[in-house]
Each structure stands twice: as C-alpha cells, then as structure tokens.
PDB file of N, CA and C in Angstrom:
ATOM      1  N   MET A   1       1.037  -1.015   0.140  1.00  0.00           N
ATOM      2  CA  MET A   1       0.245  -0.034   0.029  1.00  0.00           C
ATOM      3  C   MET A   1       0.542   1.144  -0.196  1.00  0.00           C
ATOM      4  N   THR A   2       0.687   2.009  -0.774  1.00  0.00           N
ATOM      5  CA  THR A   2       0.938   3.029  -1.141  1.00  0.00           C
ATOM      6  C   THR A   2       0.991   4.087   0.613  1.00  0.00           C
ATOM      7  N   LEU A   3       1.958   5.390   0.782  1.00  0.00           N
ATOM      8  CA  LEU A   3       0.933   5.828   2.288  1.00  0.00           C
ATOM      9  C   LEU A   3       0.651   7.273   1.938  1.00  0.00           C
ATOM     10  N   GLU A   4       0.305   7.985   0.628  1.00  0.00           N
ATOM     11  CA  GLU A   4      -1.070   7.985  -0.038  1.00  0.00           C
ATOM     12  C   GLU A   4      -1.717   7.505  -0.641  1.00  0.00           C
ATOM     13  N   LYS A   5      -2.486   6.747  -0.266  1.00  0.00           N
ATOM     14  CA  LYS A   5      -3.184   5.697  -0.591  1.00  0.00           C
ATOM     15  C   LYS A   5      -4.031   5.183   1.326  1.00  0.00           C
ATOM     16  N   ALA A   6      -3.276   4.776   1.831  1.00  0.00           N
ATOM     17  CA  ALA A   6      -2.909   4.606   3.763  1.00  0.00           C
ATOM     18  C   ALA A   6      -3.927   6.635   4.463  1.00  0.00           C
ATOM     19  N   ARG A   7      -2.552   7.665   3.794  1.00  0.00           N
ATOM     20  CA  ARG A   7      -3.579   8.734   3.690  1.00  0.00           C
ATOM     21  C   ARG A   7      -4.888   9.071   4.172  1.00  0.00           C
ATOM     22  N   GLU A   8      -5.177   8.484   2.296  1.00  0.00           N
ATOM     23  CA  GLU A   8      -6.954   8.221   1.975  1.00  0.00           C
ATOM     24  C   GLU A   8      -7.770   8.153   3.197  1.00  0.00           C
ATOM     25  N   LEU A   9      -7.816   6.574   3.021  1.00  0.00           N
ATOM     26  CA  LEU A   9      -7.619   5.719   3.769  1.00  0.00           C
ATOM     27  C   LEU A   9      -8.249   6.619   5.787  1.00  0.00           C
ATOM     28  N   ILE A  10      -7.370   6.580   6.302  1.00  0.00           N
ATOM     29  CA  ILE A  10      -7.105   6.615   7.239  1.00  0.00           C
ATOM     30  C   ILE A  10      -7.648   8.407   7.432  1.00  0.00           C
ATOM     31  N   ALA A  11      -7.624   9.067   6.677  1.00  0.00           N
ATOM     32  CA  ALA A  11      -8.243  10.509   6.987  1.00  0.00           C
ATOM     33  C   ALA A  11      -9.542  10.238   6.742  1.00  0.00           C
ATOM     34  N   MET A  12     -10.398   8.953   5.677  1.00  0.00           N
ATOM     35  CA  MET A  12     -12.302   9.177   4.898  1.00  0.00           C
ATOM     36  C   MET A  12     -12.506   7.651   6.624  1.00  0.00           C
ATOM     37  N   HIS A  13     -11.247   7.437   7.147  1.00  0.00           N
ATOM     38  CA  HIS A  13     -12.404   6.355   8.494  1.00  0.00           C
ATOM     39  C   HIS A  13     -12.333   6.846  10.322  1.00  0.00           C
ATOM     40  N   SER A  14     -11.586   8.450   9.827  1.00  0.00           N
ATOM     41  CA  SER A  14     -11.217   9.524  10.483  1.00  0.00           C
ATOM     42  C   SER A  14     -12.414   9.988  10.879  1.00  0.00           C
ATOM     43  N   SER A  15     -13.108  10.883   9.941  1.00  0.00           N
ATOM     44  CA  SER A  15     -13.284  11.783  10.081  1.00  0.00           C
ATOM     45  C   SER A  15     -15.086  10.658  10.167  1.00  0.00           C
ATOM     46  N   LEU A  16     -15.180   9.489   9.843  1.00  0.00           N
ATOM     47  CA  LEU A  16     -16.256   9.425  10.066  1.00  0.00           C
ATOM     48  C   LEU A  16     -16.857   8.366  11.601  1.00  0.00           C
ATOM     49  N   GLY A  17     -15.340   8.410  12.733  1.00  0.00           N
ATOM     50  CA  GLY A  17     -15.652   7.804  13.577  1.00  0.00           C
ATOM     51  C   GLY A  17     -15.316   6.501  14.780  1.00  0.00           C
ATOM     52  N   SER A  18     -16.484   6.434  13.630  1.00  0.00           N
ATOM     53  CA  SER A  18     -17.505   5.250  14.216  1.00  0.00           C
ATOM     54  C   SER A  18     -15.983   3.747  15.375  1.00  0.00           C
ATOM     55  N   GLY A  19     -16.414   3.225  16.067  1.00  0.00           N
ATOM     56  CA  GLY A  19     -15.426   1.592  16.706  1.00  0.00           C
ATOM     57  C   GLY A  19     -15.120   1.028  15.522  1.00  0.00           C
ATOM     58  N   TYR A  20     -16.263   1.174  15.135  1.00  0.00           N
ATOM     59  CA  TYR A  20     -15.318  -0.167  13.204  1.00  0.00           C
ATOM     60  C   TYR A  20     -14.202   0.858  12.289  1.00  0.00           C
ATOM     61  N   ASN A  21     -14.450   1.831  12.048  1.00  0.00           N
ATOM     62  CA  ASN A  21     -13.708   2.147  11.508  1.00  0.00           C
ATOM     63  C   ASN A  21     -12.187   3.037  11.918  1.00  0.00           C
ATOM     64  N   ARG A  22     -12.594   2.791  14.353  1.00  0.00           N
ATOM     65  CA  ARG A  22     -11.309   2.685  14.470  1.00  0.00           C
ATOM     66  C   ARG A  22     -10.385   1.110  13.955  1.00  0.00           C
ATOM     67  N   ASN A  23     -10.930   0.029  13.563  1.00  0.00           N
ATOM     68  CA  ASN A  23     -10.511  -0.845  13.126  1.00  0.00           C
ATOM     69  C   ASN A  23      -9.786  -0.663  12.328  1.00  0.00           C
ATOM     70  N   ALA A  24     -10.594  -0.532  11.307  1.00  0.00           N
ATOM     71  CA  ALA A  24     -10.449  -0.531  10.449  1.00  0.00           C
ATOM     72  C   ALA A  24      -9.141   0.352   9.522  1.00  0.00           C
ATOM     73  N   ALA A  25      -9.287   1.139  10.290  1.00  0.00           N
ATOM     74  CA  ALA A  25      -7.466   2.533  10.933  1.00  0.00           C
ATOM     75  C   ALA A  25      -6.560   1.310  11.250  1.00  0.00           C
ATOM     76  N   ARG A  26      -7.230   0.721  11.620  1.00  0.00           N
ATOM     77  CA  ARG A  26      -5.630  -0.665  13.036  1.00  0.00           C
ATOM     78  C   ARG A  26      -5.044  -1.238  11.682  1.00  0.00           C
ATOM     79  N   MET A  27      -5.970  -1.651  10.464  1.00  0.00           N
ATOM     80  CA  MET A  27      -6.137  -2.280   9.556  1.00  0.00           C
ATOM     81  C   MET A  27      -5.032  -1.458   8.643  1.00  0.00           C
ATOM     82  N   VAL A  28      -4.714  -0.752   7.831  1.00  0.00           N
ATOM     83  CA  VAL A  28      -5.003   0.030   7.315  1.00  0.00           C
ATOM     84  C   VAL A  28      -2.775   1.186   8.576  1.00  0.00           C
ATOM     85  N   LEU A  29      -2.941   0.285   8.799  1.00  0.00           N
ATOM     86  CA  LEU A  29      -2.331   0.835  10.484  1.00  0.00           C
ATOM     87  C   LEU A  29      -0.786  -0.702   9.833  1.00  0.00           C
ATOM     88  N   GLY A  30      -1.591  -1.460  10.187  1.00  0.00           N
ATOM     89  CA  GLY A  30      -1.117  -2.694   9.803  1.00  0.00           C
ATOM     90  C   GLY A  30       0.072  -2.772   7.945  1.00  0.00           C
ATOM     91  N   GLU A  31      -1.138  -2.725   7.248  1.00  0.00           N
ATOM     92  CA  GLU A  31      -0.481  -3.021   5.854  1.00  0.00           C
ATOM     93  C   GLU A  31       1.038  -1.575   5.862  1.00  0.00           C
ATOM     94  N   VAL A  32       0.918  -0.369   6.638  1.00  0.00           N
ATOM     95  CA  VAL A  32       1.319   0.303   6.204  1.00  0.00           C
ATOM     96  C   VAL A  32       2.896  -0.022   7.238  1.00  0.00           C
ATOM     97  N   MET A  33       2.633  -0.797   8.204  1.00  0.00           N
ATOM     98  CA  MET A  33       3.214  -1.113   8.619  1.00  0.00           C
ATOM     99  C   MET A  33       4.513  -2.350   8.347  1.00  0.00           C
ATOM    100  N   ARG A  34       3.654  -3.307   7.267  1.00  0.00           N
ATOM    101  CA  ARG A  34       4.369  -4.199   6.616  1.00  0.00           C
ATOM    102  C   ARG A  34       5.200  -3.570   5.441  1.00  0.00           C
ATOM    103  N   ASP A  35       4.473  -2.260   5.550  1.00  0.00           N
ATOM    104  CA  ASP A  35       4.954  -2.113   3.490  1.00  0.00           C
ATOM    105  C   ASP A  35       6.776  -1.062   4.278  1.00  0.00           C
ATOM    106  N   HIS A  36       5.879  -0.393   5.115  1.00  0.00           N
ATOM    107  CA  HIS A  36       6.862   1.316   5.016  1.00  0.00           C
ATOM    108  C   HIS A  36       7.382   1.707   6.799  1.00  0.00           C
ATOM    109  N   GLY A  37       6.996  -0.069   7.921  1.00  0.00           N
ATOM    110  CA  GLY A  37       8.245   0.571   8.933  1.00  0.00           C
ATOM    111  C   GLY A  37       7.264   1.268  10.359  1.00  0.00           C
ATOM    112  N   GLN A  38       8.294   1.514  11.413  1.00  0.00           N
ATOM    113  CA  GLN A  38       6.805   1.558  12.702  1.00  0.00           C
ATOM    114  C   GLN A  38       6.978   3.431  12.080  1.00  0.00           C
ATOM    115  N   ALA A  39       8.501   3.918  11.750  1.00  0.00           N
ATOM    116  CA  ALA A  39       8.465   5.918  11.647  1.00  0.00           C
ATOM    117  C   ALA A  39       7.373   6.091  10.211  1.00  0.00           C
ATOM    118  N   ALA A  40       7.336   5.309   9.783  1.00  0.00           N
ATOM    119  CA  ALA A  40       5.453   5.567   8.375  1.00  0.00           C
ATOM    120  C   ALA A  40       4.284   6.130  10.031  1.00  0.00           C
ATOM    121  N   VAL A  41       4.495   4.801  10.957  1.00  0.00           N
ATOM    122  CA  VAL A  41       2.850   4.261  11.345  1.00  0.00           C
ATOM    123  C   VAL A  41       2.873   5.446  12.506  1.00  0.00           C
ATOM    124  N   ASP A  42       3.909   5.436  13.067  1.00  0.00           N
ATOM    125  CA  ASP A  42       3.818   6.271  13.969  1.00  0.00           C
ATOM    126  C   ASP A  42       3.669   8.496  13.413  1.00  0.00           C
ATOM    127  N   SER A  43       4.221   8.824  12.101  1.00  0.00           N
ATOM    128  CA  SER A  43       3.896   9.680  10.909  1.00  0.00           C
ATOM    129  C   SER A  43       2.403   9.572  11.094  1.00  0.00           C
ATOM    130  N   LEU A  44       1.770   9.114  10.555  1.00  0.00           N
ATOM    131  CA  LEU A  44       0.528   9.150  10.615  1.00  0.00           C
ATOM    132  C   LEU A  44      -0.716   8.859  11.023  1.00  0.00           C
ATOM    133  N   ILE A  45      -0.725   8.138  12.639  1.00  0.00           N
ATOM    134  CA  ILE A  45      -0.823   7.825  14.356  1.00  0.00           C
ATOM    135  C   ILE A  45      -0.713   9.967  14.308  1.00  0.00           C
ATOM    136  N   ARG A  46       0.099  10.428  14.465  1.00  0.00           N
ATOM    137  CA  ARG A  46       0.360  12.243  14.827  1.00  0.00           C
ATOM    138  C   ARG A  46      -0.418  12.819  13.750  1.00  0.00           C
ATOM    139  N   GLU A  47      -0.108  12.704  12.512  1.00  0.00           N
ATOM    140  CA  GLU A  47      -0.312  13.495  11.630  1.00  0.00           C
ATOM    141  C   GLU A  47      -2.472  13.320  11.385  1.00  0.00           C
ATOM    142  N   TYR A  48      -3.030  12.099  12.058  1.00  0.00           N
ATOM    143  CA  TYR A  48      -4.580  12.486  12.046  1.00  0.00           C
ATOM    144  C   TYR A  48      -5.273  12.107  13.527  1.00  0.00           C
ATOM    145  N   ASP A  49      -4.194  12.760  14.083  1.00  0.00           N
ATOM    146  CA  ASP A  49      -4.418  12.361  16.139  1.00  0.00           C
ATOM    147  C   ASP A  49      -4.649  11.457  16.220  1.00  0.00           C
ATOM    148  N   LEU A  50      -4.757   9.752  16.565  1.00  0.00           N
ATOM    149  CA  LEU A  50      -5.176   8.975  16.449  1.00  0.00           C
ATOM    150  C   LEU A  50      -5.337   9.086  17.985  1.00  0.00           C
ATOM    151  N   GLU A  51      -4.025   9.526  18.284  1.00  0.00           N
ATOM    152  CA  GLU A  51      -4.050   9.574  19.893  1.00  0.00           C
ATOM    153  C   GLU A  51      -5.485   9.311  20.292  1.00  0.00           C
ATOM    154  N   LYS A  52      -5.671  10.455  20.567  1.00  0.00           N
ATOM    155  CA  LYS A  52      -6.574  11.909  20.939  1.00  0.00           C
ATOM    156  C   LYS A  52      -8.048  11.211  20.036  1.00  0.00           C
ATOM    157  N   GLN A  53      -8.277  10.741  18.693  1.00  0.00           N
ATOM    158  CA  GLN A  53      -9.305  10.215  18.672  1.00  0.00           C
ATOM    159  C   GLN A  53      -9.743   8.652  19.366  1.00  0.00           C
ATOM    160  N   TRP A  54      -9.201   7.616  19.168  1.00  0.00           N
ATOM    161  CA  TRP A  54      -8.641   6.116  19.605  1.00  0.00           C
ATOM    162  C   TRP A  54      -7.621   5.463  20.507  1.00  0.00           C
ATOM    163  N   GLU A  55      -7.059   6.694  20.822  1.00  0.00           N
ATOM    164  CA  GLU A  55      -6.516   6.001  21.803  1.00  0.00           C
ATOM    165  C   GLU A  55      -4.801   5.147  21.165  1.00  0.00           C
ATOM    166  N   ILE A  56      -4.590   4.896  20.102  1.00  0.00           N
ATOM    167  CA  ILE A  56      -3.564   4.852  19.395  1.00  0.00           C
ATOM    168  C   ILE A  56      -2.592   5.514  19.017  1.00  0.00           C
ATOM    169  N   LYS A  57      -1.412   5.002  20.455  1.00  0.00           N
ATOM    170  CA  LYS A  57      -0.526   5.541  20.222  1.00  0.00           C
ATOM    171  C   LYS A  57       0.836   5.812  19.785  1.00  0.00           C
ATOM    172  N   PRO A  58       1.225   6.189  19.006  1.00  0.00           N
ATOM    173  CA  PRO A  58       2.716   6.278  18.394  1.00  0.00           C
ATOM    174  C   PRO A  58       3.533   4.965  19.265  1.00  0.00           C
ATOM    175  N   GLY A  59       4.332   4.476  18.496  1.00  0.00           N
ATOM    176  CA  GLY A  59       5.591   3.334  18.917  1.00  0.00           C
ATOM    177  C   GLY A  59       3.804   2.090  19.241  1.00  0.00           C
ATOM    178  N   THR A  60       3.179   2.195  18.765  1.00  0.00           N
ATOM    179  CA  THR A  60       2.039   0.945  18.834  1.00  0.00           C
ATOM    180  C   THR A  60       2.623  -0.184  17.936  1.00  0.00           C
ATOM    181  N   LYS A  61       2.690  -1.069  18.117  1.00  0.00           N
ATOM    182  CA  LYS A  61       3.147  -2.395  16.218  1.00  0.00           C
ATOM    183  C   LYS A  61       1.959  -2.887  16.432  1.00  0.00           C
ATOM    184  N   PHE A  62       1.648  -2.958  15.213  1.00  0.00           N
ATOM    185  CA  PHE A  62       0.417  -2.977  14.013  1.00  0.00           C
ATOM    186  C   PHE A  62       0.887  -4.815  13.244  1.00  0.00           C
ATOM    187  N   GLU A  63       0.526  -5.943  13.654  1.00  0.00           N
ATOM    188  CA  GLU A  63       0.815  -6.633  12.693  1.00  0.00           C
ATOM    189  C   GLU A  63      -0.402  -6.746  10.223  1.00  0.00           C
ATOM    190  N   SER A  64      -0.325  -7.405   9.655  1.00  0.00           N
ATOM    191  CA  SER A  64      -0.930  -7.285   8.465  1.00  0.00           C
ATOM    192  C   SER A  64      -1.122  -8.082   8.965  1.00  0.00           C
ATOM    193  N   ALA A  65      -3.207  -8.310   8.230  1.00  0.00           N
ATOM    194  CA  ALA A  65      -3.477  -9.928   8.124  1.00  0.00           C
ATOM    195  C   ALA A  65      -2.672 -10.171   6.968  1.00  0.00           C
ATOM    196  N   PHE A  66      -1.682 -10.024   6.362  1.00  0.00           N
ATOM    197  CA  PHE A  66      -1.996 -10.795   4.878  1.00  0.00           C
ATOM    198  C   PHE A  66       0.543 -10.398   4.981  1.00  0.00           C
ATOM    199  N   LYS A  67       0.155 -11.703   5.096  1.00  0.00           N
ATOM    200  CA  LYS A  67       1.750 -11.937   4.450  1.00  0.00           C
ATOM    201  C   LYS A  67       3.097 -11.314   3.140  1.00  0.00           C
ATOM    202  N   SER A  68       3.730  -9.968   3.704  1.00  0.00           N
ATOM    203  CA  SER A  68       4.782 -10.330   2.480  1.00  0.00           C
ATOM    204  C   SER A  68       5.063 -11.206   1.764  1.00  0.00           C
TER     205      SER A  68
END
C-alpha cells in the first residue's frame, strides 16, 4: 500500500469516527507497518491525531493480516 493511499483511507475512517472505523484504521496501519515500517505508522498516527481520537499511540506495533 502506498502512503498516499493509506492517508486517504485513514482520513476517511477518521472523519467517520466509529469503533468500526477504528478497527479499519488499525488494519490500514498494519499494512503500512508491513510495507513502510514503524516510523511511517507513527507519522500517520500523529498526522491524524489518532491518539486523541481512538487512543492509538505512536510506537504501537501493528501486524498485517496479509503476510508479505
């Protein structure tokens, strides 16, 4: 997944704000973790203030459901 696509998806889920969207955002972060690493994940968490919205903290390790 590209970082641009991840930004689009997280922006959409963040704007909707439900618990289901939280889980979807976590799945996106798992894909970013697999493809781009922890620094990219932390950057997205800060960019969309996911810690405030859903208590997703920088440094959290995410796993992709899809192995590379």
